[in-house]
PDB file of all heavy atoms in Angstrom:
ATOM      1  N   MET A   1     -11.311  -3.991  11.522  1.00  0.00           N
ATOM      2  CA  MET A   1      -9.970  -3.343  11.581  1.00  0.00           C
ATOM      3  C   MET A   1      -9.749  -2.538  10.323  1.00  0.00           C
ATOM      4  O   MET A   1      -9.577  -3.077   9.242  1.00  0.00           O
ATOM      5  CB  MET A   1      -8.854  -4.402  11.774  1.00  0.00           C
ATOM      6  CG  MET A   1      -8.957  -5.168  13.079  1.00  0.00           C
ATOM      7  SD  MET A   1      -7.619  -6.333  13.249  1.00  0.00           S
ATOM      8  CE  MET A   1      -6.207  -5.242  13.480  1.00  0.00           C
ATOM      9  N   ALA A   2      -9.815  -1.216  10.486  1.00  0.00           N
ATOM     10  CA  ALA A   2      -9.729  -0.357   9.299  1.00  0.00           C
ATOM     11  C   ALA A   2      -9.024   0.958   9.730  1.00  0.00           C
ATOM     12  O   ALA A   2      -9.006   1.278  10.894  1.00  0.00           O
ATOM     13  CB  ALA A   2     -11.108  -0.047   8.750  1.00  0.00           C
ATOM     14  N   VAL A   3      -8.502   1.638   8.783  1.00  0.00           N
ATOM     15  CA  VAL A   3      -7.834   2.933   9.038  1.00  0.00           C
ATOM     16  C   VAL A   3      -8.090   3.876   7.819  1.00  0.00           C
ATOM     17  O   VAL A   3      -8.195   3.410   6.692  1.00  0.00           O
ATOM     18  CB  VAL A   3      -6.262   2.733   9.239  1.00  0.00           C
ATOM     19  CG1 VAL A   3      -5.629   2.179   7.977  1.00  0.00           C
ATOM     20  CG2 VAL A   3      -5.641   4.007   9.658  1.00  0.00           C
ATOM     21  N   THR A   4      -8.310   5.118   8.132  1.00  0.00           N
ATOM     22  CA  THR A   4      -8.428   6.136   7.076  1.00  0.00           C
ATOM     23  C   THR A   4      -7.045   6.669   6.699  1.00  0.00           C
ATOM     24  O   THR A   4      -6.303   7.081   7.635  1.00  0.00           O
ATOM     25  CB  THR A   4      -9.359   7.257   7.523  1.00  0.00           C
ATOM     26  OG1 THR A   4     -10.667   6.677   7.774  1.00  0.00           O
ATOM     27  CG2 THR A   4      -9.538   8.319   6.452  1.00  0.00           C
ATOM     28  N   VAL A   5      -6.780   6.740   5.463  1.00  0.00           N
ATOM     29  CA  VAL A   5      -5.530   7.281   4.957  1.00  0.00           C
ATOM     30  C   VAL A   5      -5.885   8.539   4.142  1.00  0.00           C
ATOM     31  O   VAL A   5      -6.622   8.511   3.216  1.00  0.00           O
ATOM     32  CB  VAL A   5      -4.721   6.251   4.110  1.00  0.00           C
ATOM     33  CG1 VAL A   5      -3.421   6.882   3.649  1.00  0.00           C
ATOM     34  CG2 VAL A   5      -4.507   5.003   4.859  1.00  0.00           C
ATOM     35  N   ARG A   6      -5.342   9.666   4.596  1.00  0.00           N
ATOM     36  CA  ARG A   6      -5.636  10.947   3.945  1.00  0.00           C
ATOM     37  C   ARG A   6      -4.735  11.226   2.759  1.00  0.00           C
ATOM     38  O   ARG A   6      -3.542  10.887   2.797  1.00  0.00           O
ATOM     39  CB  ARG A   6      -5.513  12.109   4.954  1.00  0.00           C
ATOM     40  CG  ARG A   6      -6.308  11.866   6.207  1.00  0.00           C
ATOM     41  CD  ARG A   6      -7.649  12.596   6.084  1.00  0.00           C
ATOM     42  NE  ARG A   6      -8.428  12.356   7.314  1.00  0.00           N
ATOM     43  CZ  ARG A   6      -9.711  12.009   7.311  1.00  0.00           C
ATOM     44  NH1 ARG A   6     -10.266  11.761   6.149  1.00  0.00           N
ATOM     45  NH2 ARG A   6     -10.336  11.800   8.389  1.00  0.00           N
ATOM     46  N   LYS A   7      -5.277  11.887   1.777  1.00  0.00           N
ATOM     47  CA  LYS A   7      -4.541  12.408   0.644  1.00  0.00           C
ATOM     48  C   LYS A   7      -3.648  11.380  -0.047  1.00  0.00           C
ATOM     49  O   LYS A   7      -2.407  11.521  -0.143  1.00  0.00           O
ATOM     50  CB  LYS A   7      -3.752  13.635   1.084  1.00  0.00           C
ATOM     51  CG  LYS A   7      -3.407  14.573  -0.067  1.00  0.00           C
ATOM     52  CD  LYS A   7      -2.783  15.868   0.398  1.00  0.00           C
ATOM     53  CE  LYS A   7      -2.424  16.710  -0.808  1.00  0.00           C
ATOM     54  NZ  LYS A   7      -1.640  17.860  -0.485  1.00  0.00           N
ATOM     55  N   VAL A   8      -4.241  10.268  -0.459  1.00  0.00           N
ATOM     56  CA  VAL A   8      -3.546   9.229  -1.181  1.00  0.00           C
ATOM     57  C   VAL A   8      -3.401   9.626  -2.662  1.00  0.00           C
ATOM     58  O   VAL A   8      -4.397  10.000  -3.263  1.00  0.00           O
ATOM     59  CB  VAL A   8      -4.270   7.870  -1.010  1.00  0.00           C
ATOM     60  CG1 VAL A   8      -3.607   6.799  -1.905  1.00  0.00           C
ATOM     61  CG2 VAL A   8      -4.322   7.478   0.418  1.00  0.00           C
ATOM     62  N   LEU A   9      -2.196   9.556  -3.157  1.00  0.00           N
ATOM     63  CA  LEU A   9      -1.992   9.841  -4.595  1.00  0.00           C
ATOM     64  C   LEU A   9      -2.568   8.716  -5.396  1.00  0.00           C
ATOM     65  O   LEU A   9      -2.219   7.572  -5.202  1.00  0.00           O
ATOM     66  CB  LEU A   9      -0.483  10.010  -4.883  1.00  0.00           C
ATOM     67  CG  LEU A   9      -0.103  10.140  -6.348  1.00  0.00           C
ATOM     68  CD1 LEU A   9      -0.590  11.461  -6.886  1.00  0.00           C
ATOM     69  CD2 LEU A   9       1.404  10.043  -6.456  1.00  0.00           C
ATOM     70  N   VAL A  10      -3.433   9.053  -6.356  1.00  0.00           N
ATOM     71  CA  VAL A  10      -4.037   8.065  -7.246  1.00  0.00           C
ATOM     72  C   VAL A  10      -3.365   8.180  -8.643  1.00  0.00           C
ATOM     73  O   VAL A  10      -3.351   9.241  -9.207  1.00  0.00           O
ATOM     74  CB  VAL A  10      -5.581   8.252  -7.394  1.00  0.00           C
ATOM     75  CG1 VAL A  10      -6.149   7.260  -8.432  1.00  0.00           C
ATOM     76  CG2 VAL A  10      -6.220   8.095  -6.032  1.00  0.00           C
ATOM     77  N   ASP A  11      -2.878   7.070  -9.112  1.00  0.00           N
ATOM     78  CA  ASP A  11      -2.285   6.987 -10.416  1.00  0.00           C
ATOM     79  C   ASP A  11      -3.130   5.981 -11.189  1.00  0.00           C
ATOM     80  O   ASP A  11      -3.057   4.808 -10.958  1.00  0.00           O
ATOM     81  CB  ASP A  11      -0.828   6.548 -10.382  1.00  0.00           C
ATOM     82  CG  ASP A  11      -0.193   6.417 -11.751  1.00  0.00           C
ATOM     83  OD1 ASP A  11      -0.895   6.494 -12.794  1.00  0.00           O
ATOM     84  OD2 ASP A  11       1.027   6.214 -11.795  1.00  0.00           O
ATOM     85  N   SER A  12      -3.947   6.445 -12.157  1.00  0.00           N
ATOM     86  CA  SER A  12      -4.858   5.556 -12.824  1.00  0.00           C
ATOM     87  C   SER A  12      -4.149   4.515 -13.668  1.00  0.00           C
ATOM     88  O   SER A  12      -4.775   3.533 -14.130  1.00  0.00           O
ATOM     89  CB  SER A  12      -5.785   6.374 -13.712  1.00  0.00           C
ATOM     90  OG  SER A  12      -5.067   7.122 -14.720  1.00  0.00           O
ATOM     91  N   GLY A  13      -2.836   4.653 -13.905  1.00  0.00           N
ATOM     92  CA  GLY A  13      -2.125   3.650 -14.670  1.00  0.00           C
ATOM     93  C   GLY A  13      -1.402   2.620 -13.835  1.00  0.00           C
ATOM     94  O   GLY A  13      -0.773   1.708 -14.376  1.00  0.00           O
ATOM     95  N   SER A  14      -1.533   2.719 -12.534  1.00  0.00           N
ATOM     96  CA  SER A  14      -0.793   1.795 -11.614  1.00  0.00           C
ATOM     97  C   SER A  14      -1.607   0.495 -11.439  1.00  0.00           C
ATOM     98  O   SER A  14      -2.801   0.448 -11.441  1.00  0.00           O
ATOM     99  CB  SER A  14      -0.645   2.438 -10.254  1.00  0.00           C
ATOM    100  OG  SER A  14       0.098   1.601  -9.375  1.00  0.00           O
ATOM    101  N   GLU A  15      -0.844  -0.584 -11.254  1.00  0.00           N
ATOM    102  CA  GLU A  15      -1.444  -1.935 -11.048  1.00  0.00           C
ATOM    103  C   GLU A  15      -1.629  -2.227  -9.598  1.00  0.00           C
ATOM    104  O   GLU A  15      -2.394  -3.139  -9.235  1.00  0.00           O
ATOM    105  CB  GLU A  15      -0.636  -3.007 -11.720  1.00  0.00           C
ATOM    106  CG  GLU A  15      -0.570  -2.909 -13.212  1.00  0.00           C
ATOM    107  CD  GLU A  15       0.229  -4.005 -13.825  1.00  0.00           C
ATOM    108  OE1 GLU A  15       0.296  -5.088 -13.281  1.00  0.00           O
ATOM    109  OE2 GLU A  15       0.812  -3.755 -14.901  1.00  0.00           O
ATOM    110  N   PHE A  16      -0.927  -1.556  -8.720  1.00  0.00           N
ATOM    111  CA  PHE A  16      -0.945  -1.845  -7.238  1.00  0.00           C
ATOM    112  C   PHE A  16      -1.278  -0.559  -6.505  1.00  0.00           C
ATOM    113  O   PHE A  16      -1.080   0.551  -7.020  1.00  0.00           O
ATOM    114  CB  PHE A  16       0.407  -2.344  -6.769  1.00  0.00           C
ATOM    115  CG  PHE A  16       0.731  -3.702  -7.281  1.00  0.00           C
ATOM    116  CD1 PHE A  16       1.381  -3.917  -8.463  1.00  0.00           C
ATOM    117  CD2 PHE A  16       0.357  -4.839  -6.580  1.00  0.00           C
ATOM    118  CE1 PHE A  16       1.726  -5.190  -8.915  1.00  0.00           C
ATOM    119  CE2 PHE A  16       0.613  -6.109  -6.993  1.00  0.00           C
ATOM    120  CZ  PHE A  16       1.330  -6.264  -8.209  1.00  0.00           C
ATOM    121  N   THR A  17      -1.817  -0.714  -5.304  1.00  0.00           N
ATOM    122  CA  THR A  17      -2.034   0.401  -4.422  1.00  0.00           C
ATOM    123  C   THR A  17      -0.903   0.461  -3.380  1.00  0.00           C
ATOM    124  O   THR A  17      -0.625  -0.543  -2.762  1.00  0.00           O
ATOM    125  CB  THR A  17      -3.377   0.230  -3.734  1.00  0.00           C
ATOM    126  OG1 THR A  17      -4.428   0.086  -4.670  1.00  0.00           O
ATOM    127  CG2 THR A  17      -3.714   1.427  -2.803  1.00  0.00           C
ATOM    128  N   TRP A  18      -0.320   1.622  -3.214  1.00  0.00           N
ATOM    129  CA  TRP A  18       0.773   1.800  -2.290  1.00  0.00           C
ATOM    130  C   TRP A  18       0.254   2.563  -1.134  1.00  0.00           C
ATOM    131  O   TRP A  18      -0.142   3.737  -1.227  1.00  0.00           O
ATOM    132  CB  TRP A  18       1.897   2.563  -2.973  1.00  0.00           C
ATOM    133  CG  TRP A  18       2.530   1.857  -4.142  1.00  0.00           C
ATOM    134  CD1 TRP A  18       1.919   1.543  -5.295  1.00  0.00           C
ATOM    135  CD2 TRP A  18       3.853   1.339  -4.227  1.00  0.00           C
ATOM    136  NE1 TRP A  18       2.784   0.903  -6.117  1.00  0.00           N
ATOM    137  CE2 TRP A  18       3.984   0.754  -5.500  1.00  0.00           C
ATOM    138  CE3 TRP A  18       4.913   1.330  -3.366  1.00  0.00           C
ATOM    139  CZ2 TRP A  18       5.138   0.165  -5.916  1.00  0.00           C
ATOM    140  CZ3 TRP A  18       6.110   0.736  -3.803  1.00  0.00           C
ATOM    141  CH2 TRP A  18       6.190   0.159  -5.029  1.00  0.00           C
ATOM    142  N   ILE A  19       0.293   1.947   0.080  1.00  0.00           N
ATOM    143  CA  ILE A  19      -0.191   2.550   1.326  1.00  0.00           C
ATOM    144  C   ILE A  19       0.964   2.550   2.278  1.00  0.00           C
ATOM    145  O   ILE A  19       1.691   1.561   2.392  1.00  0.00           O
ATOM    146  CB  ILE A  19      -1.360   1.760   1.877  1.00  0.00           C
ATOM    147  CG1 ILE A  19      -2.554   1.660   0.896  1.00  0.00           C
ATOM    148  CG2 ILE A  19      -1.800   2.321   3.271  1.00  0.00           C
ATOM    149  CD1 ILE A  19      -3.233   2.986   0.622  1.00  0.00           C
ATOM    150  N   PRO A  20       1.195   3.619   3.063  1.00  0.00           N
ATOM    151  CA  PRO A  20       2.293   3.636   4.056  1.00  0.00           C
ATOM    152  C   PRO A  20       2.215   2.462   5.000  1.00  0.00           C
ATOM    153  O   PRO A  20       1.122   2.108   5.523  1.00  0.00           O
ATOM    154  CB  PRO A  20       2.114   4.974   4.739  1.00  0.00           C
ATOM    155  CG  PRO A  20       1.389   5.817   3.733  1.00  0.00           C
ATOM    156  CD  PRO A  20       0.470   4.885   3.032  1.00  0.00           C
ATOM    157  N   GLU A  21       3.343   1.891   5.320  1.00  0.00           N
ATOM    158  CA  GLU A  21       3.412   0.694   6.182  1.00  0.00           C
ATOM    159  C   GLU A  21       2.723   0.929   7.565  1.00  0.00           C
ATOM    160  O   GLU A  21       2.030   0.035   8.043  1.00  0.00           O
ATOM    161  CB  GLU A  21       4.841   0.230   6.337  1.00  0.00           C
ATOM    162  CG  GLU A  21       4.994  -1.050   7.129  1.00  0.00           C
ATOM    163  CD  GLU A  21       6.419  -1.551   7.195  1.00  0.00           C
ATOM    164  OE1 GLU A  21       7.339  -0.745   7.010  1.00  0.00           O
ATOM    165  OE2 GLU A  21       6.596  -2.737   7.512  1.00  0.00           O
ATOM    166  N   PRO A  22       2.940   2.113   8.205  1.00  0.00           N
ATOM    167  CA  PRO A  22       2.289   2.278   9.517  1.00  0.00           C
ATOM    168  C   PRO A  22       0.776   2.189   9.467  1.00  0.00           C
ATOM    169  O   PRO A  22       0.144   1.660  10.372  1.00  0.00           O
ATOM    170  CB  PRO A  22       2.765   3.699   9.910  1.00  0.00           C
ATOM    171  CG  PRO A  22       4.026   3.908   9.210  1.00  0.00           C
ATOM    172  CD  PRO A  22       3.859   3.206   7.924  1.00  0.00           C
ATOM    173  N   ALA A  23       0.170   2.657   8.377  1.00  0.00           N
ATOM    174  CA  ALA A  23      -1.282   2.550   8.229  1.00  0.00           C
ATOM    175  C   ALA A  23      -1.711   1.102   8.055  1.00  0.00           C
ATOM    176  O   ALA A  23      -2.687   0.659   8.655  1.00  0.00           O
ATOM    177  CB  ALA A  23      -1.734   3.369   7.021  1.00  0.00           C
ATOM    178  N   LEU A  24      -0.957   0.350   7.271  1.00  0.00           N
ATOM    179  CA  LEU A  24      -1.261  -1.085   7.091  1.00  0.00           C
ATOM    180  C   LEU A  24      -1.141  -1.827   8.376  1.00  0.00           C
ATOM    181  O   LEU A  24      -2.013  -2.664   8.708  1.00  0.00           O
ATOM    182  CB  LEU A  24      -0.330  -1.694   6.012  1.00  0.00           C
ATOM    183  CG  LEU A  24      -0.515  -1.156   4.628  1.00  0.00           C
ATOM    184  CD1 LEU A  24       0.587  -1.707   3.710  1.00  0.00           C
ATOM    185  CD2 LEU A  24      -1.850  -1.448   4.065  1.00  0.00           C
ATOM    186  N   LYS A  25      -0.093  -1.538   9.171  1.00  0.00           N
ATOM    187  CA  LYS A  25       0.046  -2.185  10.466  1.00  0.00           C
ATOM    188  C   LYS A  25      -1.152  -1.856  11.388  1.00  0.00           C
ATOM    189  O   LYS A  25      -1.632  -2.676  12.114  1.00  0.00           O
ATOM    190  CB  LYS A  25       1.411  -1.806  11.098  1.00  0.00           C
ATOM    191  CG  LYS A  25       2.563  -2.507  10.472  1.00  0.00           C
ATOM    192  CD  LYS A  25       3.871  -2.165  11.169  1.00  0.00           C
ATOM    193  CE  LYS A  25       4.986  -2.992  10.528  1.00  0.00           C
ATOM    194  NZ  LYS A  25       6.260  -2.800  11.197  1.00  0.00           N
ATOM    195  N   GLU A  26      -1.570  -0.602  11.337  1.00  0.00           N
ATOM    196  CA  GLU A  26      -2.655  -0.188  12.197  1.00  0.00           C
ATOM    197  C   GLU A  26      -3.956  -0.943  11.881  1.00  0.00           C
ATOM    198  O   GLU A  26      -4.775  -1.271  12.715  1.00  0.00           O
ATOM    199  CB  GLU A  26      -2.864   1.347  12.070  1.00  0.00           C
ATOM    200  CG  GLU A  26      -3.958   1.860  12.989  1.00  0.00           C
ATOM    201  CD  GLU A  26      -4.139   3.375  12.896  1.00  0.00           C
ATOM    202  OE1 GLU A  26      -3.208   4.082  12.395  1.00  0.00           O
ATOM    203  OE2 GLU A  26      -5.213   3.865  13.323  1.00  0.00           O
ATOM    204  N   ALA A  27      -4.147  -1.214  10.561  1.00  0.00           N
ATOM    205  CA  ALA A  27      -5.328  -1.975  10.107  1.00  0.00           C
ATOM    206  C   ALA A  27      -5.098  -3.500  10.278  1.00  0.00           C
ATOM    207  O   ALA A  27      -6.002  -4.263   9.945  1.00  0.00           O
ATOM    208  CB  ALA A  27      -5.614  -1.649   8.658  1.00  0.00           C
ATOM    209  N   GLY A  28      -3.931  -3.912  10.671  1.00  0.00           N
ATOM    210  CA  GLY A  28      -3.669  -5.332  10.883  1.00  0.00           C
ATOM    211  C   GLY A  28      -3.384  -6.082   9.593  1.00  0.00           C
ATOM    212  O   GLY A  28      -3.480  -7.317   9.534  1.00  0.00           O
ATOM    213  N   VAL A  29      -3.096  -5.377   8.500  1.00  0.00           N
ATOM    214  CA  VAL A  29      -2.779  -5.982   7.217  1.00  0.00           C
ATOM    215  C   VAL A  29      -1.360  -6.544   7.287  1.00  0.00           C
ATOM    216  O   VAL A  29      -0.429  -5.827   7.676  1.00  0.00           O
ATOM    217  CB  VAL A  29      -2.910  -4.978   6.065  1.00  0.00           C
ATOM    218  CG1 VAL A  29      -2.494  -5.621   4.742  1.00  0.00           C
ATOM    219  CG2 VAL A  29      -4.293  -4.421   5.995  1.00  0.00           C
ATOM    220  N   ARG A  30      -1.230  -7.839   6.965  1.00  0.00           N
ATOM    221  CA  ARG A  30       0.085  -8.443   7.097  1.00  0.00           C
ATOM    222  C   ARG A  30       0.687  -8.744   5.662  1.00  0.00           C
ATOM    223  O   ARG A  30      -0.090  -8.971   4.697  1.00  0.00           O
ATOM    224  CB  ARG A  30       0.050  -9.727   7.900  1.00  0.00           C
ATOM    225  CG  ARG A  30      -0.797 -10.830   7.317  1.00  0.00           C
ATOM    226  CD  ARG A  30      -0.824 -12.056   8.233  1.00  0.00           C
ATOM    227  NE  ARG A  30      -1.611 -13.122   7.641  1.00  0.00           N
ATOM    228  CZ  ARG A  30      -1.155 -13.998   6.766  1.00  0.00           C
ATOM    229  NH1 ARG A  30       0.076 -13.947   6.392  1.00  0.00           N
ATOM    230  NH2 ARG A  30      -1.986 -14.928   6.244  1.00  0.00           N
ATOM    231  N   ALA A  31       1.970  -8.747   5.553  1.00  0.00           N
ATOM    232  CA  ALA A  31       2.628  -9.105   4.324  1.00  0.00           C
ATOM    233  C   ALA A  31       2.445 -10.582   4.073  1.00  0.00           C
ATOM    234  O   ALA A  31       2.701 -11.410   4.940  1.00  0.00           O
ATOM    235  CB  ALA A  31       4.103  -8.727   4.428  1.00  0.00           C
ATOM    236  N   VAL A  32       2.091 -10.903   2.849  1.00  0.00           N
ATOM    237  CA  VAL A  32       1.971 -12.324   2.484  1.00  0.00           C
ATOM    238  C   VAL A  32       3.010 -12.754   1.377  1.00  0.00           C
ATOM    239  O   VAL A  32       3.269 -13.906   1.213  1.00  0.00           O
ATOM    240  CB  VAL A  32       0.540 -12.698   2.025  1.00  0.00           C
ATOM    241  CG1 VAL A  32      -0.412 -12.714   3.200  1.00  0.00           C
ATOM    242  CG2 VAL A  32       0.028 -11.795   0.898  1.00  0.00           C
ATOM    243  N   LYS A  33       3.500 -11.753   0.642  1.00  0.00           N
ATOM    244  CA  LYS A  33       4.501 -12.007  -0.365  1.00  0.00           C
ATOM    245  C   LYS A  33       5.642 -11.029  -0.072  1.00  0.00           C
ATOM    246  O   LYS A  33       5.410  -9.846   0.101  1.00  0.00           O
ATOM    247  CB  LYS A  33       4.001 -11.803  -1.780  1.00  0.00           C
ATOM    248  CG  LYS A  33       2.907 -12.758  -2.169  1.00  0.00           C
ATOM    249  CD  LYS A  33       2.476 -12.524  -3.598  1.00  0.00           C
ATOM    250  CE  LYS A  33       1.378 -13.432  -4.032  1.00  0.00           C
ATOM    251  NZ  LYS A  33       0.958 -13.202  -5.382  1.00  0.00           N
ATOM    252  N   LYS A  34       6.850 -11.527   0.001  1.00  0.00           N
ATOM    253  CA  LYS A  34       7.978 -10.687   0.300  1.00  0.00           C
ATOM    254  C   LYS A  34       8.974 -10.642  -0.853  1.00  0.00           C
ATOM    255  O   LYS A  34       9.017 -11.533  -1.685  1.00  0.00           O
ATOM    256  CB  LYS A  34       8.665 -11.197   1.590  1.00  0.00           C
ATOM    257  CG  LYS A  34       7.806 -11.167   2.801  1.00  0.00           C
ATOM    258  CD  LYS A  34       8.501 -11.571   4.050  1.00  0.00           C
ATOM    259  CE  LYS A  34       7.481 -11.655   5.135  1.00  0.00           C
ATOM    260  NZ  LYS A  34       7.767 -10.856   6.312  1.00  0.00           N
ATOM    261  N   ASP A  35       9.750  -9.614  -0.850  1.00  0.00           N
ATOM    262  CA  ASP A  35      10.796  -9.448  -1.864  1.00  0.00           C
ATOM    263  C   ASP A  35      10.350  -9.474  -3.324  1.00  0.00           C
ATOM    264  O   ASP A  35      10.968 -10.093  -4.175  1.00  0.00           O
ATOM    265  CB  ASP A  35      11.900 -10.484  -1.625  1.00  0.00           C
ATOM    266  CG  ASP A  35      12.538 -10.396  -0.253  1.00  0.00           C
ATOM    267  OD1 ASP A  35      12.639  -9.234   0.239  1.00  0.00           O
ATOM    268  OD2 ASP A  35      12.887 -11.436   0.297  1.00  0.00           O
ATOM    269  N   LEU A  36       9.216  -8.814  -3.580  1.00  0.00           N
ATOM    270  CA  LEU A  36       8.781  -8.650  -4.988  1.00  0.00           C
ATOM    271  C   LEU A  36       9.438  -7.430  -5.581  1.00  0.00           C
ATOM    272  O   LEU A  36       9.531  -6.408  -4.932  1.00  0.00           O
ATOM    273  CB  LEU A  36       7.234  -8.455  -5.047  1.00  0.00           C
ATOM    274  CG  LEU A  36       6.422  -9.676  -4.623  1.00  0.00           C
ATOM    275  CD1 LEU A  36       4.934  -9.346  -4.701  1.00  0.00           C
ATOM    276  CD2 LEU A  36       6.688 -10.875  -5.492  1.00  0.00           C
ATOM    277  N   SER A  37       9.890  -7.552  -6.797  1.00  0.00           N
ATOM    278  CA  SER A  37      10.551  -6.451  -7.507  1.00  0.00           C
ATOM    279  C   SER A  37       9.537  -5.666  -8.310  1.00  0.00           C
ATOM    280  O   SER A  37       8.663  -6.220  -8.960  1.00  0.00           O
ATOM    281  CB  SER A  37      11.637  -7.005  -8.460  1.00  0.00           C
ATOM    282  OG  SER A  37      12.644  -7.642  -7.747  1.00  0.00           O
ATOM    283  N   PHE A  38       9.673  -4.342  -8.213  1.00  0.00           N
ATOM    284  CA  PHE A  38       8.850  -3.417  -8.975  1.00  0.00           C
ATOM    285  C   PHE A  38       9.688  -2.445  -9.769  1.00  0.00           C
ATOM    286  O   PHE A  38      10.692  -1.926  -9.222  1.00  0.00           O
ATOM    287  CB  PHE A  38       7.975  -2.579  -7.994  1.00  0.00           C
ATOM    288  CG  PHE A  38       6.945  -3.436  -7.297  1.00  0.00           C
ATOM    289  CD1 PHE A  38       7.304  -4.000  -6.036  1.00  0.00           C
ATOM    290  CD2 PHE A  38       5.729  -3.708  -7.821  1.00  0.00           C
ATOM    291  CE1 PHE A  38       6.345  -4.776  -5.353  1.00  0.00           C
ATOM    292  CE2 PHE A  38       4.832  -4.456  -7.128  1.00  0.00           C
ATOM    293  CZ  PHE A  38       5.118  -5.010  -5.910  1.00  0.00           C
ATOM    294  N   LEU A  39       9.380  -2.266 -11.045  1.00  0.00           N
ATOM    295  CA  LEU A  39      10.064  -1.308 -11.870  1.00  0.00           C
ATOM    296  C   LEU A  39       9.319   0.035 -11.834  1.00  0.00           C
ATOM    297  O   LEU A  39       8.163   0.098 -12.167  1.00  0.00           O
ATOM    298  CB  LEU A  39      10.127  -1.786 -13.307  1.00  0.00           C
ATOM    299  CG  LEU A  39      10.799  -0.889 -14.337  1.00  0.00           C
ATOM    300  CD1 LEU A  39      12.267  -0.639 -13.936  1.00  0.00           C
ATOM    301  CD2 LEU A  39      10.672  -1.442 -15.722  1.00  0.00           C
ATOM    302  N   MET A  40       9.988   1.059 -11.266  1.00  0.00           N
ATOM    303  CA  MET A  40       9.360   2.339 -11.135  1.00  0.00           C
ATOM    304  C   MET A  40       9.391   3.117 -12.432  1.00  0.00           C
ATOM    305  O   MET A  40      10.146   2.760 -13.382  1.00  0.00           O
ATOM    306  CB  MET A  40      10.128   3.146 -10.054  1.00  0.00           C
ATOM    307  CG  MET A  40      10.197   2.418  -8.709  1.00  0.00           C
ATOM    308  SD  MET A  40       8.640   2.062  -7.970  1.00  0.00           S
ATOM    309  CE  MET A  40       8.168   3.661  -7.494  1.00  0.00           C
ATOM    310  N   ALA A  41       8.625   4.176 -12.515  1.00  0.00           N
ATOM    311  CA  ALA A  41       8.515   4.993 -13.768  1.00  0.00           C
ATOM    312  C   ALA A  41       9.840   5.603 -14.107  1.00  0.00           C
ATOM    313  O   ALA A  41      10.129   5.873 -15.282  1.00  0.00           O
ATOM    314  CB  ALA A  41       7.446   6.029 -13.582  1.00  0.00           C
TER     315      ALA A  41
END
């Protein structure tokens, strides 16, 4: 179960990878941790 995501912005200083939810659902990736807080730039 895999999906190709086109033109993903890469930030070499980021600790996490951000993928659009519809793509994750298509690949069958499920959320395992909810309500995590992230401080944006």
